[in-house]
Amino acid sequence: MSGDSPADIPPPDSLHLSSASGWLQLGNPGEALADLAKVSAEHRKHRDVLLLEWHIHARNKNWERCMEIGSVMAKLNPDDPSGWINQANAMFYLKRGQEALDLLEPMRKRFPENEAIPYNLSCYACQFGDLVLAMHWFQAAEKISDSEKIREVALLDPDLEPIWEQISK
């Protein structure tokens, strides 16, 4: 399924996916989950279905379920960084930060062009109180992507608050 795209999901499942996405955008994760549950078993493990399900459960702060979904995504699509990132973020929000770091840090070498990996590692390091490491990872994220955009996002991210002063320089 690693080559899946939304076009790979025919109606009615594509319509359920679209409707679920709409409900989530409208701020109604309950209805989003209800519509997503209508997707047939054949397409339940499609990348886009799993990704939307992860976001729905993240909105509800159901981090255990998010961790499970991230794990499934990583197993089904190991060459897609989103499963690894989602699984690690769920661990982080479950206060399992060291496990999140241990899972995501090796992915930095595997996906060197993905700025979300060092960005998230920076968040984890901030929460551990290792601000030197946090800045190291933050600067790595800046090198990969648009530095201005990364800084703008970071200065709104409460996980990075311990390094806001350094970021804003």
Protein backbone atom coordinates (compact mmCIF):
# COMPACT_ATOMS: atom_id res chain seq x y z
CA MET A 1 0.00 0.00 0.00
CA SER A 2 3.00 2.32 0.11
CA GLY A 3 2.10 3.89 -3.24
CA ASP A 4 -1.45 4.69 -2.18
CA SER A 5 -3.00 8.03 -2.94
CA PRO A 6 -6.51 9.33 -2.29
CA ALA A 7 -7.32 8.44 -5.90
CA ASP A 8 -6.66 4.80 -4.94
CA ILE A 9 -9.77 4.84 -2.77
CA PRO A 10 -12.95 4.54 -4.84
CA PRO A 11 -16.40 5.71 -3.78
CA PRO A 12 -18.09 5.33 -1.41
CA ASP A 13 -14.95 5.06 0.77
CA SER A 14 -13.38 8.16 -0.78
CA LEU A 15 -16.55 10.08 0.10
CA HIS A 16 -16.45 8.85 3.71
CA LEU A 17 -12.81 9.93 3.93
CA SER A 18 -13.61 13.34 2.49
CA SER A 19 -16.57 13.80 4.81
CA ALA A 20 -14.51 12.77 7.84
CA SER A 21 -11.84 15.28 6.87
CA GLY A 22 -14.46 17.99 6.56
CA TRP A 23 -15.89 17.23 9.99
CA LEU A 24 -12.43 17.43 11.53
CA GLN A 25 -11.78 20.77 9.83
CA LEU A 26 -15.08 21.99 11.26
CA GLY A 27 -13.91 21.01 14.73
CA ASN A 28 -16.15 17.98 15.18
CA PRO A 29 -13.88 14.98 15.75
CA GLY A 30 -16.80 12.80 16.87
CA GLU A 31 -18.57 13.10 13.52
CA ALA A 32 -15.22 12.75 11.75
CA LEU A 33 -14.58 9.45 13.51
CA ALA A 34 -18.12 8.28 12.75
CA ASP A 35 -17.66 8.93 9.03
CA LEU A 36 -14.20 7.38 9.03
CA ALA A 37 -15.69 4.23 10.60
CA LYS A 38 -17.79 3.85 7.43
CA VAL A 39 -14.66 3.23 5.33
CA SER A 40 -14.59 -0.44 4.30
CA ALA A 41 -12.11 -2.89 5.79
CA GLU A 42 -10.38 -3.01 2.40
CA HIS A 43 -9.25 0.62 2.77
CA ARG A 44 -8.96 0.99 6.58
CA LYS A 45 -5.18 0.66 6.42
CA HIS A 46 -4.72 3.08 3.55
CA ARG A 47 -2.15 5.73 4.48
CA ASP A 48 -4.62 8.61 4.14
CA VAL A 49 -7.27 6.88 6.26
CA LEU A 50 -4.73 6.12 9.00
CA LEU A 51 -3.32 9.63 8.87
CA LEU A 52 -6.75 11.19 9.26
CA GLU A 53 -7.61 8.78 12.06
CA TRP A 54 -4.37 9.79 13.81
CA HIS A 55 -5.31 13.48 13.54
CA ILE A 56 -8.82 12.83 14.86
CA HIS A 57 -7.49 11.00 17.90
CA ALA A 58 -4.81 13.67 18.39
CA ARG A 59 -7.54 16.32 18.48
CA ASN A 60 -9.16 14.25 21.24
CA LYS A 61 -5.78 13.79 22.96
CA ASN A 62 -6.18 10.02 22.77
CA TRP A 63 -2.42 9.49 22.63
CA GLU A 64 -2.55 5.72 23.27
CA ARG A 65 -4.62 5.26 20.12
CA CYS A 66 -2.38 7.71 18.24
CA MET A 67 0.65 5.66 19.22
CA GLU A 68 -1.01 2.49 17.92
CA ILE A 69 -1.95 4.16 14.63
CA GLY A 70 1.55 5.59 14.20
CA SER A 71 3.01 2.14 14.77
CA VAL A 72 0.72 0.62 12.12
CA MET A 73 1.62 3.42 9.69
CA ALA A 74 5.35 2.84 10.26
CA LYS A 75 4.99 -0.92 9.73
CA LEU A 76 2.86 -0.63 6.59
CA ASN A 77 4.85 2.25 5.06
CA PRO A 78 8.35 2.17 6.58
CA ASP A 79 9.67 4.53 3.90
CA ASP A 80 7.18 7.25 4.87
CA PRO A 81 8.38 9.34 7.82
CA SER A 82 4.88 10.33 8.97
CA GLY A 83 4.21 7.04 10.77
CA TRP A 84 7.46 7.27 12.70
CA ILE A 85 6.87 10.94 13.54
CA ASN A 86 3.27 10.34 14.61
CA GLN A 87 4.19 7.39 16.78
CA ALA A 88 7.01 9.34 18.46
CA ASN A 89 4.81 12.39 19.05
CA ALA A 90 2.16 10.24 20.69
CA MET A 91 4.83 8.75 22.97
CA PHE A 92 6.01 12.26 23.80
CA TYR A 93 2.51 13.37 24.81
CA LEU A 94 2.16 10.21 26.89
CA LYS A 95 5.19 11.46 28.88
CA ARG A 96 7.37 8.76 27.32
CA GLY A 97 9.83 11.29 25.95
CA GLN A 98 12.93 9.13 26.06
CA GLU A 99 11.16 6.42 24.05
CA ALA A 100 10.03 9.07 21.57
CA LEU A 101 13.59 10.32 21.23
CA ASP A 102 14.96 6.78 20.88
CA LEU A 103 12.42 6.01 18.15
CA LEU A 104 12.78 9.22 16.17
CA GLU A 105 16.50 9.99 16.42
CA PRO A 106 17.58 7.13 14.10
CA MET A 107 14.98 8.31 11.57
CA ARG A 108 17.02 11.52 11.12
CA LYS A 109 19.57 9.55 9.08
CA ARG A 110 16.89 7.62 7.26
CA PHE A 111 14.98 10.77 6.24
CA PRO A 112 17.64 13.50 6.10
CA GLU A 113 15.45 15.92 4.12
CA ASN A 114 12.51 15.85 6.53
CA GLU A 115 12.60 18.94 8.74
CA ALA A 116 9.83 17.65 11.03
CA ILE A 117 12.16 15.04 12.51
CA PRO A 118 14.83 17.39 13.89
CA TYR A 119 12.11 19.90 14.78
CA ASN A 120 10.35 17.31 16.93
CA LEU A 121 13.65 16.16 18.41
CA SER A 122 14.20 19.79 19.41
CA CYS A 123 10.83 19.81 21.17
CA TYR A 124 11.70 16.62 23.04
CA ALA A 125 15.11 17.97 24.11
CA CYS A 126 13.46 21.16 25.41
CA GLN A 127 11.16 19.15 27.59
CA PHE A 128 14.14 17.17 28.96
CA GLY A 129 15.81 20.48 29.79
CA ASP A 130 18.71 19.91 27.37
CA LEU A 131 18.59 23.31 25.69
CA VAL A 132 21.95 22.87 23.92
CA LEU A 133 20.67 19.72 22.24
CA ALA A 134 17.34 21.43 21.55
CA MET A 135 19.11 24.25 19.69
CA HIS A 136 21.23 21.70 17.80
CA TRP A 137 18.12 19.94 16.52
CA PHE A 138 16.31 23.21 15.84
CA GLN A 139 19.21 24.48 13.74
CA ALA A 140 19.25 21.17 11.86
CA ALA A 141 15.57 21.69 11.01
CA GLU A 142 16.30 25.23 9.83
CA LYS A 143 18.99 23.98 7.44
CA ILE A 144 16.54 21.65 5.75
CA SER A 145 13.61 23.99 5.33
CA ASP A 146 12.69 27.66 5.11
CA SER A 147 14.43 29.13 8.15
CA GLU A 148 11.97 32.01 8.51
CA LYS A 149 8.94 29.72 8.40
CA ILE A 150 10.48 27.29 10.90
CA ARG A 151 11.24 30.16 13.30
CA GLU A 152 7.73 31.56 12.92
CA VAL A 153 6.17 28.20 13.78
CA ALA A 154 8.65 27.57 16.61
CA LEU A 155 7.90 30.88 18.29
CA LEU A 156 4.26 29.78 18.61
CA ASP A 157 5.08 26.26 19.79
CA PRO A 158 4.86 25.96 23.59
CA ASP A 159 7.07 22.85 23.48
CA LEU A 160 9.93 25.09 22.32
CA GLU A 161 9.32 27.92 24.78
CA PRO A 162 12.57 27.22 26.67
CA ILE A 163 14.56 28.23 23.55
CA TRP A 164 12.30 31.02 22.23
CA GLU A 165 14.82 33.68 23.23
CA GLN A 166 17.61 31.94 21.30
CA ILE A 167 15.36 31.32 18.31
CA SER A 168 14.29 34.95 18.06
CA LYS A 169 17.87 36.24 17.80
